[in-house]
Amino acid sequence: MKKNITVILLVVLIAGFALSEKIRIGATPVPHAEILEFIKPELEKNGFELEVVVFNDYVLPNMALANGELDANYFQHVPYLEVFTSERGIEGLVPQPPIHVEPMGFYTKKALDELEKNDKVVVPNDPTNEGRALLLLHNNGIIKLKDPENLKSTVIDIAENPKGLKFNEVEAGFIPRVYNTDDSVEAAVINTNYAISAGLNPIEDAKFYEGEDSAYANIIVVRQEDTKSEWLDVLQSALRSEAVKEFILNKYEGAVVPTF
């Protein structure tokens, strides 16, 4: 009798494990991975086990998704996805409805009116984020771009630089460290997820930052074949829930803004 009970229990356990589908999502640490960790219990209730794979750059998550190492990623906005896939000839990566905006901010070690000739300013070097950073500076009168509509603008597209600032292009994830440790750097444009990781808040610490109407909302991206999958519906429903909205507003205090 005991053997029969043991067999039954094993069958039930095995069946339970079989019903739990595993989802691997690549994300940058803050806030993306933290938001995904928050919704793990909700996904588990619906039969999906979520594995969050943390990346500290903006290149590998899309490559890993394209080659099937991931089921989805969560770290980017549509302009970046479009430029990234176009430049690398990648097809079949599909953006989903937006989750949140991380306002990009401009941080300086001195007052804005004290910035002077040859002061070093660090900006991201990746596609669109550099253009986004320069547009932020353009919109706030620090520089003038040749074409503010060009999302691919780089430092060579600066038409006017009245303060005579020197611009250095650096991989986005390293900018907070460079800004905090390099005494030759006076200012930086920093993506909010990396700023938060370094103890910076755009609302409190940046001289200025993007408004809530920014077009650069962060999204889940999946392969074309998964756009109709059940797990994606469950994932999107969990991410765009009132519980997640409350989590974002309470935890990030305006540094991350829900779009739903």
Protein backbone atom coordinates (compact mmCIF):
# COMPACT_ATOMS: atom_id res chain seq x y z
CA MET A 1 0.00 0.00 0.00
CA LYS A 2 2.85 2.39 0.92
CA LYS A 3 4.51 1.65 -2.42
CA ASN A 4 1.31 2.54 -4.28
CA ILE A 5 1.00 5.84 -2.41
CA THR A 6 4.63 6.66 -3.19
CA VAL A 7 4.12 5.92 -6.88
CA ILE A 8 1.00 8.10 -6.98
CA LEU A 9 2.81 10.99 -5.31
CA LEU A 10 5.70 10.72 -7.77
CA VAL A 11 3.30 10.72 -10.71
CA VAL A 12 1.56 13.82 -9.34
CA LEU A 13 4.88 15.61 -8.82
CA ILE A 14 6.13 14.71 -12.29
CA ALA A 15 2.85 15.85 -13.82
CA GLY A 16 3.14 19.12 -11.90
CA PHE A 17 6.64 19.74 -13.22
CA ALA A 18 5.56 18.86 -16.75
CA LEU A 19 2.81 21.47 -16.60
CA SER A 20 5.29 24.22 -15.67
CA GLU A 21 6.68 25.77 -18.85
CA LYS A 22 9.97 27.60 -18.50
CA ILE A 23 10.43 31.08 -20.00
CA ARG A 24 13.89 32.65 -20.32
CA ILE A 25 13.90 36.45 -20.54
CA GLY A 26 17.02 38.59 -20.91
CA ALA A 27 17.00 41.91 -19.07
CA THR A 28 19.29 44.63 -17.82
CA PRO A 29 19.47 44.76 -14.01
CA VAL A 30 17.47 47.88 -13.08
CA PRO A 31 14.54 48.23 -13.40
CA HIS A 32 13.85 45.47 -15.93
CA ALA A 33 15.15 42.43 -14.02
CA GLU A 34 13.64 43.75 -10.79
CA ILE A 35 10.21 44.12 -12.41
CA LEU A 36 10.44 40.61 -13.85
CA GLU A 37 11.41 39.19 -10.45
CA PHE A 38 8.35 40.91 -9.00
CA ILE A 39 5.96 39.12 -11.38
CA LYS A 40 7.46 35.64 -10.96
CA PRO A 41 4.76 34.50 -8.49
CA GLU A 42 1.99 35.61 -10.86
CA LEU A 43 3.50 33.65 -13.72
CA GLU A 44 3.98 30.59 -11.53
CA LYS A 45 0.28 30.68 -10.62
CA ASN A 46 -0.45 30.44 -14.34
CA GLY A 47 1.92 27.51 -14.92
CA PHE A 48 5.03 29.33 -16.16
CA GLU A 49 8.46 29.30 -14.57
CA LEU A 50 10.34 32.53 -15.28
CA GLU A 51 14.13 32.57 -15.52
CA VAL A 52 15.59 36.08 -15.66
CA VAL A 53 18.94 36.25 -17.48
CA VAL A 54 20.72 39.48 -16.55
CA PHE A 55 22.81 41.37 -19.13
CA ASN A 56 24.93 44.46 -18.60
CA ASP A 57 25.03 45.63 -22.20
CA TYR A 58 22.64 46.48 -25.04
CA VAL A 59 23.98 44.09 -27.70
CA LEU A 60 23.91 40.56 -26.32
CA PRO A 61 20.21 40.43 -25.32
CA ASN A 62 19.06 40.83 -28.92
CA MET A 63 21.68 38.43 -30.27
CA ALA A 64 20.67 35.82 -27.69
CA LEU A 65 16.99 36.26 -28.57
CA ALA A 66 17.64 36.00 -32.31
CA ASN A 67 19.60 32.75 -31.97
CA GLY A 68 17.05 31.13 -29.65
CA GLU A 69 18.92 31.31 -26.35
CA LEU A 70 16.12 33.47 -24.93
CA ASP A 71 12.33 33.48 -25.32
CA ALA A 72 12.12 37.26 -24.93
CA ASN A 73 14.08 40.27 -23.79
CA TYR A 74 13.17 43.39 -21.85
CA PHE A 75 15.63 46.29 -21.94
CA GLN A 76 15.08 48.45 -25.03
CA HIS A 77 12.78 50.80 -26.90
CA VAL A 78 11.49 50.54 -30.47
CA PRO A 79 13.96 53.03 -32.07
CA TYR A 80 16.89 51.05 -30.70
CA LEU A 81 15.41 47.71 -31.83
CA GLU A 82 14.83 49.04 -35.35
CA VAL A 83 18.34 50.41 -35.76
CA PHE A 84 19.97 47.37 -34.16
CA THR A 85 18.18 44.81 -36.33
CA SER A 86 18.56 46.88 -39.51
CA GLU A 87 22.31 47.29 -39.10
CA ARG A 88 22.82 43.57 -38.40
CA GLY A 89 20.33 42.18 -40.90
CA ILE A 90 18.29 40.48 -38.16
CA GLU A 91 14.66 39.69 -38.95
CA GLY A 92 11.75 38.37 -36.93
CA LEU A 93 12.16 40.26 -33.64
CA VAL A 94 8.80 41.79 -32.77
CA PRO A 95 8.13 44.59 -30.22
CA GLN A 96 5.18 44.28 -27.85
CA PRO A 97 3.11 47.07 -26.20
CA PRO A 98 5.22 49.41 -24.01
CA ILE A 99 5.68 48.91 -20.27
CA HIS A 100 7.51 51.97 -18.99
CA VAL A 101 9.67 54.98 -19.80
CA GLU A 102 13.04 55.65 -18.16
CA PRO A 103 13.68 59.38 -18.60
CA MET A 104 17.27 59.90 -19.79
CA GLY A 105 18.99 62.59 -17.72
CA PHE A 106 21.88 65.05 -17.96
CA TYR A 107 24.15 65.00 -14.91
CA THR A 108 26.86 67.56 -14.16
CA LYS A 109 29.38 68.11 -11.37
CA LYS A 110 28.99 71.85 -11.62
CA ALA A 111 26.15 74.25 -12.36
CA LEU A 112 24.99 74.40 -15.97
CA ASP A 113 26.12 78.00 -16.36
CA GLU A 114 29.59 77.01 -15.12
CA LEU A 115 30.23 74.51 -17.92
CA GLU A 116 33.05 75.86 -20.05
CA LYS A 117 35.31 75.22 -23.01
CA ASN A 118 36.91 71.75 -23.13
CA ASP A 119 34.79 70.37 -20.26
CA LYS A 120 34.35 66.67 -21.02
CA VAL A 121 30.81 65.32 -21.51
CA VAL A 122 30.17 61.58 -21.84
CA VAL A 123 27.32 60.25 -24.01
CA PRO A 124 26.26 56.68 -24.95
CA ASN A 125 27.94 55.24 -28.03
CA ASP A 126 25.19 52.79 -29.10
CA PRO A 127 22.70 53.35 -31.96
CA THR A 128 19.80 55.72 -31.18
CA ASN A 129 20.77 56.19 -27.53
CA GLU A 130 23.53 58.52 -28.65
CA GLY A 131 21.05 60.33 -30.89
CA ARG A 132 18.57 60.37 -28.02
CA ALA A 133 21.18 61.84 -25.66
CA LEU A 134 22.21 64.53 -28.14
CA LEU A 135 18.56 65.40 -28.79
CA LEU A 136 18.09 65.88 -25.04
CA LEU A 137 21.01 68.33 -25.04
CA HIS A 138 19.66 70.01 -28.18
CA ASN A 139 16.19 70.44 -26.66
CA ASN A 140 17.70 72.04 -23.57
CA GLY A 141 19.97 74.50 -25.36
CA ILE A 142 23.36 72.90 -24.67
CA ILE A 143 24.03 72.17 -28.36
CA LYS A 144 22.30 72.43 -31.73
CA LEU A 145 22.05 69.44 -34.04
CA LYS A 146 22.18 69.60 -37.82
CA ASP A 147 18.95 67.57 -37.99
CA PRO A 148 17.00 67.05 -34.73
CA GLU A 149 14.78 64.53 -36.55
CA ASN A 150 17.73 62.20 -37.19
CA LEU A 151 17.61 59.48 -34.51
CA LYS A 152 21.06 58.29 -35.60
CA SER A 153 22.81 61.58 -34.83
CA THR A 154 26.33 61.30 -33.41
CA VAL A 155 28.76 63.92 -32.15
CA ILE A 156 29.81 64.69 -35.74
CA ASP A 157 26.24 65.91 -36.33
CA ILE A 158 26.54 68.71 -33.78
CA ALA A 159 26.09 71.98 -35.69
CA GLU A 160 26.66 74.38 -32.79
CA ASN A 161 28.49 73.86 -29.51
CA PRO A 162 28.45 77.33 -27.89
CA LYS A 163 30.17 76.22 -24.68
CA GLY A 164 32.96 74.42 -26.54
CA LEU A 165 32.33 71.14 -24.74
CA LYS A 166 34.30 67.98 -25.59
CA PHE A 167 32.10 64.93 -26.19
CA ASN A 168 33.31 61.40 -25.49
CA GLU A 169 31.31 58.37 -26.66
CA VAL A 170 31.28 55.51 -24.10
CA GLU A 171 29.37 52.22 -23.82
CA ALA A 172 26.20 53.09 -21.93
CA GLY A 173 26.68 50.66 -19.06
CA PHE A 174 30.07 52.14 -18.16
CA ILE A 175 29.02 55.79 -18.16
CA PRO A 176 28.01 56.04 -14.46
CA ARG A 177 31.35 54.58 -13.38
CA VAL A 178 33.26 56.92 -15.69
CA TYR A 179 31.23 59.88 -14.47
CA ASN A 180 31.76 59.01 -10.79
CA THR A 181 35.44 58.05 -10.93
CA ASP A 182 37.05 60.05 -13.76
CA ASP A 183 37.92 63.52 -12.48
CA SER A 184 38.33 64.78 -16.04
CA VAL A 185 34.62 64.17 -16.76
CA GLU A 186 32.35 67.09 -15.86
CA ALA A 187 29.03 65.85 -17.23
CA ALA A 188 27.23 62.83 -18.67
CA VAL A 189 23.97 61.79 -20.27
CA ILE A 190 22.94 58.56 -18.54
CA ASN A 191 20.19 56.03 -19.20
CA THR A 192 18.02 55.78 -16.09
CA ASN A 193 18.48 52.04 -15.54
CA TYR A 194 22.23 52.54 -15.28
CA ALA A 195 21.83 55.76 -13.29
CA ILE A 196 19.70 54.01 -10.67
CA SER A 197 22.28 51.22 -10.35
CA ALA A 198 24.89 53.90 -9.57
CA GLY A 199 22.72 55.60 -6.96
CA LEU A 200 21.57 58.45 -9.22
CA ASN A 201 17.97 59.53 -9.70
CA PRO A 202 17.08 61.69 -12.72
CA ILE A 203 14.30 63.44 -10.83
CA GLU A 204 16.58 64.50 -7.97
CA ASP A 205 20.10 64.52 -9.42
CA ALA A 206 19.88 65.37 -13.12
CA LYS A 207 20.03 68.99 -14.27
CA PHE A 208 17.27 68.08 -16.74
CA TYR A 209 15.68 64.92 -18.13
CA GLU A 210 13.17 63.68 -20.70
CA GLY A 211 9.49 64.33 -20.15
CA GLU A 212 6.88 61.66 -19.55
CA ASP A 213 5.83 61.91 -23.20
CA SER A 214 9.15 60.44 -24.37
CA ALA A 215 8.84 58.21 -27.41
CA TYR A 216 11.44 55.86 -25.97
CA ALA A 217 9.21 53.52 -23.97
CA ASN A 218 10.70 50.17 -22.96
CA ILE A 219 9.18 47.01 -24.38
CA ILE A 220 9.18 43.23 -24.35
CA VAL A 221 10.58 41.79 -27.60
CA VAL A 222 9.93 38.26 -28.86
CA ARG A 223 10.53 36.23 -32.00
CA GLN A 224 7.79 36.28 -34.63
CA GLU A 225 6.81 32.66 -33.97
CA ASP A 226 6.00 33.43 -30.33
CA THR A 227 3.70 36.41 -30.86
CA LYS A 228 0.58 34.26 -30.47
CA SER A 229 1.88 32.16 -27.57
CA GLU A 230 -0.05 31.72 -24.34
CA TRP A 231 2.99 32.55 -22.20
CA LEU A 232 3.35 35.94 -23.90
CA ASP A 233 -0.28 36.82 -23.13
CA VAL A 234 0.26 35.85 -19.48
CA LEU A 235 3.56 37.78 -19.35
CA GLN A 236 2.12 40.97 -20.84
CA SER A 237 -0.94 40.78 -18.61
CA ALA A 238 1.27 40.46 -15.53
CA LEU A 239 3.61 43.28 -16.60
CA ARG A 240 0.77 45.69 -17.38
CA SER A 241 -1.15 45.02 -14.16
CA GLU A 242 -2.08 47.49 -11.44
CA ALA A 243 0.25 45.63 -9.09
CA VAL A 244 3.23 46.32 -11.35
CA LYS A 245 2.19 49.96 -11.80
CA GLU A 246 2.12 50.38 -8.03
CA PHE A 247 5.46 48.58 -7.69
CA ILE A 248 7.11 50.87 -10.25
CA LEU A 249 5.70 54.08 -8.78
CA ASN A 250 6.62 53.14 -5.20
CA LYS A 251 10.05 51.66 -5.83
CA TYR A 252 11.46 54.14 -8.35
CA GLU A 253 9.70 57.31 -7.18
CA GLY A 254 9.29 58.86 -10.62
CA ALA A 255 12.61 57.70 -12.09
CA VAL A 256 10.62 55.05 -14.00
CA VAL A 257 7.19 55.91 -15.39
CA PRO A 258 4.53 53.29 -16.31
CA THR A 259 2.96 53.75 -19.74
CA PHE A 260 -0.29 51.86 -19.06
